[in-house]
Amino acid sequence: MARAALPWDDPSAVRVPDPEAALGAAGLHWDDLNALRVLDPEAAQQTAQLREECGAFLDKIAEFQKIVGSLIELVDQLARAAESEKMKAIGARNLLKSIAKQREAQEQQLQALIAEKKMQLQRYQIEYETLCKIEADQNEFIDQFIFQK
């Protein structure tokens, strides 16, 4: 009995599978260095490009953080300087207020002294007038006493 023809019996029917296609179907690929890779070359290239972009982004972020740190330091210095100037201004204002109060108190003391001196002048004027009157009376008495003798 003759056996039935099988597909591999016919030399024209035998197909050799493409190794690249078989590896591709399994998710494996050859790279430029003939190393077996799990990722296809396009995904590997995109991954490498993404890695480079991430590195550049991290560098920019680090530079940004440095700039922001410098800015924060500058703003802090300006805030300290402004606070210092504010305290100086408050001190100067308080000093001016105290000087004004001192002058006011001194003016009140001088006004009181002037009032006291005016009263003393009035007393001296009255005393002077009284003494002048007494002198005139005594001179008149002396004149009368001399003329009577």
Protein backbone atom coordinates (compact mmCIF):
# COMPACT_ATOMS: atom_id res chain seq x y z
CA MET A 1 0.00 0.00 0.00
CA ALA A 2 1.14 3.34 -0.86
CA ARG A 3 1.31 5.87 1.68
CA ALA A 4 -0.36 9.21 1.34
CA ALA A 5 1.73 12.17 0.40
CA LEU A 6 2.63 14.42 3.29
CA PRO A 7 3.41 18.10 2.92
CA TRP A 8 7.09 17.66 3.74
CA ASP A 9 7.42 14.98 1.12
CA ASP A 10 6.99 17.56 -1.61
CA PRO A 11 10.21 19.58 -1.80
CA SER A 12 8.33 22.55 -3.19
CA ALA A 13 5.90 22.43 -0.27
CA VAL A 14 8.55 22.54 2.45
CA ARG A 15 8.95 26.03 3.81
CA VAL A 16 11.77 27.08 6.04
CA PRO A 17 10.51 29.48 8.66
CA ASP A 18 12.14 32.93 8.77
CA PRO A 19 14.17 33.12 12.03
CA GLU A 20 13.59 36.88 12.31
CA ALA A 21 9.83 36.39 12.00
CA ALA A 22 9.88 33.55 14.55
CA LEU A 23 11.87 35.71 17.01
CA GLY A 24 9.61 38.68 16.31
CA ALA A 25 6.54 36.56 17.05
CA ALA A 26 8.13 35.61 20.38
CA GLY A 27 8.86 39.26 21.15
CA LEU A 28 12.61 38.96 20.65
CA HIS A 29 14.72 41.06 18.28
CA TRP A 30 18.31 41.39 17.12
CA ASP A 31 19.91 44.80 17.62
CA ASP A 32 22.70 46.51 15.66
CA LEU A 33 25.35 44.71 17.72
CA ASN A 34 23.72 41.31 17.02
CA ALA A 35 22.58 41.02 20.62
CA LEU A 36 19.22 39.45 21.35
CA ARG A 37 16.79 42.03 22.82
CA VAL A 38 13.32 41.81 24.29
CA LEU A 39 12.30 45.27 22.95
CA ASP A 40 11.98 45.98 19.31
CA PRO A 41 14.55 48.45 17.96
CA GLU A 42 12.05 51.31 17.61
CA ALA A 43 10.90 50.96 21.23
CA ALA A 44 14.53 50.73 22.35
CA GLN A 45 15.35 53.91 20.41
CA GLN A 46 12.34 55.71 21.91
CA THR A 47 13.38 54.53 25.37
CA ALA A 48 16.92 55.82 24.85
CA GLN A 49 15.58 59.12 23.54
CA LEU A 50 13.22 59.38 26.52
CA ARG A 51 16.14 58.63 28.85
CA GLU A 52 18.14 61.49 27.28
CA GLU A 53 15.17 63.85 27.47
CA CYS A 54 14.63 62.89 31.12
CA GLY A 55 18.29 63.57 31.86
CA ALA A 56 18.03 66.99 30.16
CA PHE A 57 14.81 67.67 32.08
CA LEU A 58 16.47 66.74 35.38
CA ASP A 59 19.39 69.05 34.54
CA LYS A 60 16.95 71.87 33.81
CA ILE A 61 15.07 71.16 37.05
CA ALA A 62 18.34 71.26 39.01
CA GLU A 63 19.27 74.56 37.34
CA PHE A 64 15.79 75.90 38.07
CA GLN A 65 16.08 74.86 41.72
CA LYS A 66 19.45 76.62 41.93
CA ILE A 67 17.97 79.78 40.41
CA VAL A 68 14.95 79.62 42.72
CA GLY A 69 17.26 79.05 45.71
CA SER A 70 19.27 82.13 44.74
CA LEU A 71 16.07 84.12 44.31
CA ILE A 72 14.77 83.00 47.69
CA GLU A 73 18.08 83.94 49.30
CA LEU A 74 17.97 87.35 47.63
CA VAL A 75 14.38 87.92 48.73
CA ASP A 76 15.31 86.88 52.28
CA GLN A 77 18.20 89.37 52.27
CA LEU A 78 15.89 92.09 51.01
CA ALA A 79 13.33 91.19 53.67
CA ARG A 80 15.99 91.38 56.38
CA ALA A 81 17.20 94.74 55.04
CA ALA A 82 13.63 96.05 54.89
CA GLU A 83 12.97 94.85 58.44
CA SER A 84 16.18 96.51 59.61
CA GLU A 85 15.21 99.79 57.94
CA LYS A 86 11.73 99.49 59.41
CA MET A 87 13.17 99.06 62.89
CA LYS A 88 15.46 102.06 62.35
CA ALA A 89 12.49 104.14 61.22
CA ILE A 90 10.44 103.06 64.24
CA GLY A 91 13.38 103.91 66.51
CA ALA A 92 13.79 107.31 64.87
CA ARG A 93 10.06 108.01 65.18
CA ASN A 94 10.09 107.01 68.86
CA LEU A 95 13.14 109.20 69.43
CA LEU A 96 11.39 112.14 67.79
CA LYS A 97 8.31 111.55 69.93
CA SER A 98 10.40 111.45 73.09
CA ILE A 99 12.29 114.59 72.06
CA ALA A 100 8.96 116.33 71.39
CA LYS A 101 7.68 115.22 74.81
CA GLN A 102 10.90 116.41 76.44
CA ARG A 103 10.59 119.79 74.74
CA GLU A 104 6.97 120.03 75.78
CA ALA A 105 7.88 119.21 79.38
CA GLN A 106 10.77 121.68 79.26
CA GLU A 107 8.43 124.35 77.83
CA GLN A 108 5.95 123.71 80.65
CA GLN A 109 8.77 123.99 83.21
CA LEU A 110 9.94 127.24 81.65
CA GLN A 111 6.36 128.59 81.56
CA ALA A 112 6.01 127.73 85.25
CA LEU A 113 9.35 129.40 85.97
CA ILE A 114 8.26 132.50 84.03
CA ALA A 115 4.99 132.62 85.98
CA GLU A 116 6.92 132.26 89.24
CA LYS A 117 9.37 135.02 88.25
CA LYS A 118 6.48 137.31 87.23
CA MET A 119 4.86 136.78 90.64
CA GLN A 120 8.22 137.44 92.30
CA LEU A 121 8.59 140.61 90.17
CA GLN A 122 5.13 141.75 91.26
CA ARG A 123 6.04 141.13 94.90
CA TYR A 124 9.31 143.04 94.46
CA GLN A 125 7.48 145.90 92.72
CA ILE A 126 4.94 146.08 95.53
CA GLU A 127 7.72 145.85 98.09
CA TYR A 128 9.67 148.55 96.22
CA GLU A 129 6.61 150.80 96.09
CA THR A 130 6.00 150.16 99.78
CA LEU A 131 9.64 150.88 100.62
CA CYS A 132 9.55 154.04 98.48
CA LYS A 133 6.45 155.16 100.35
CA ILE A 134 8.10 154.35 103.68
CA GLU A 135 11.22 156.25 102.57
CA ALA A 136 9.11 159.22 101.52
CA ASP A 137 7.27 159.10 104.84
CA GLN A 138 10.55 158.88 106.75
CA ASN A 139 12.10 161.70 104.69
CA GLU A 140 9.02 163.80 105.40
CA PHE A 141 9.23 162.94 109.08
CA ILE A 142 12.92 163.83 109.09
CA ASP A 143 12.21 167.08 107.28
CA GLN A 144 9.47 167.93 109.76
CA PHE A 145 11.69 167.01 112.66
CA ILE A 146 14.52 169.18 111.35
CA PHE A 147 12.25 172.13 110.65
CA GLN A 148 10.75 171.91 114.10
CA LYS A 149 13.97 172.29 115.83
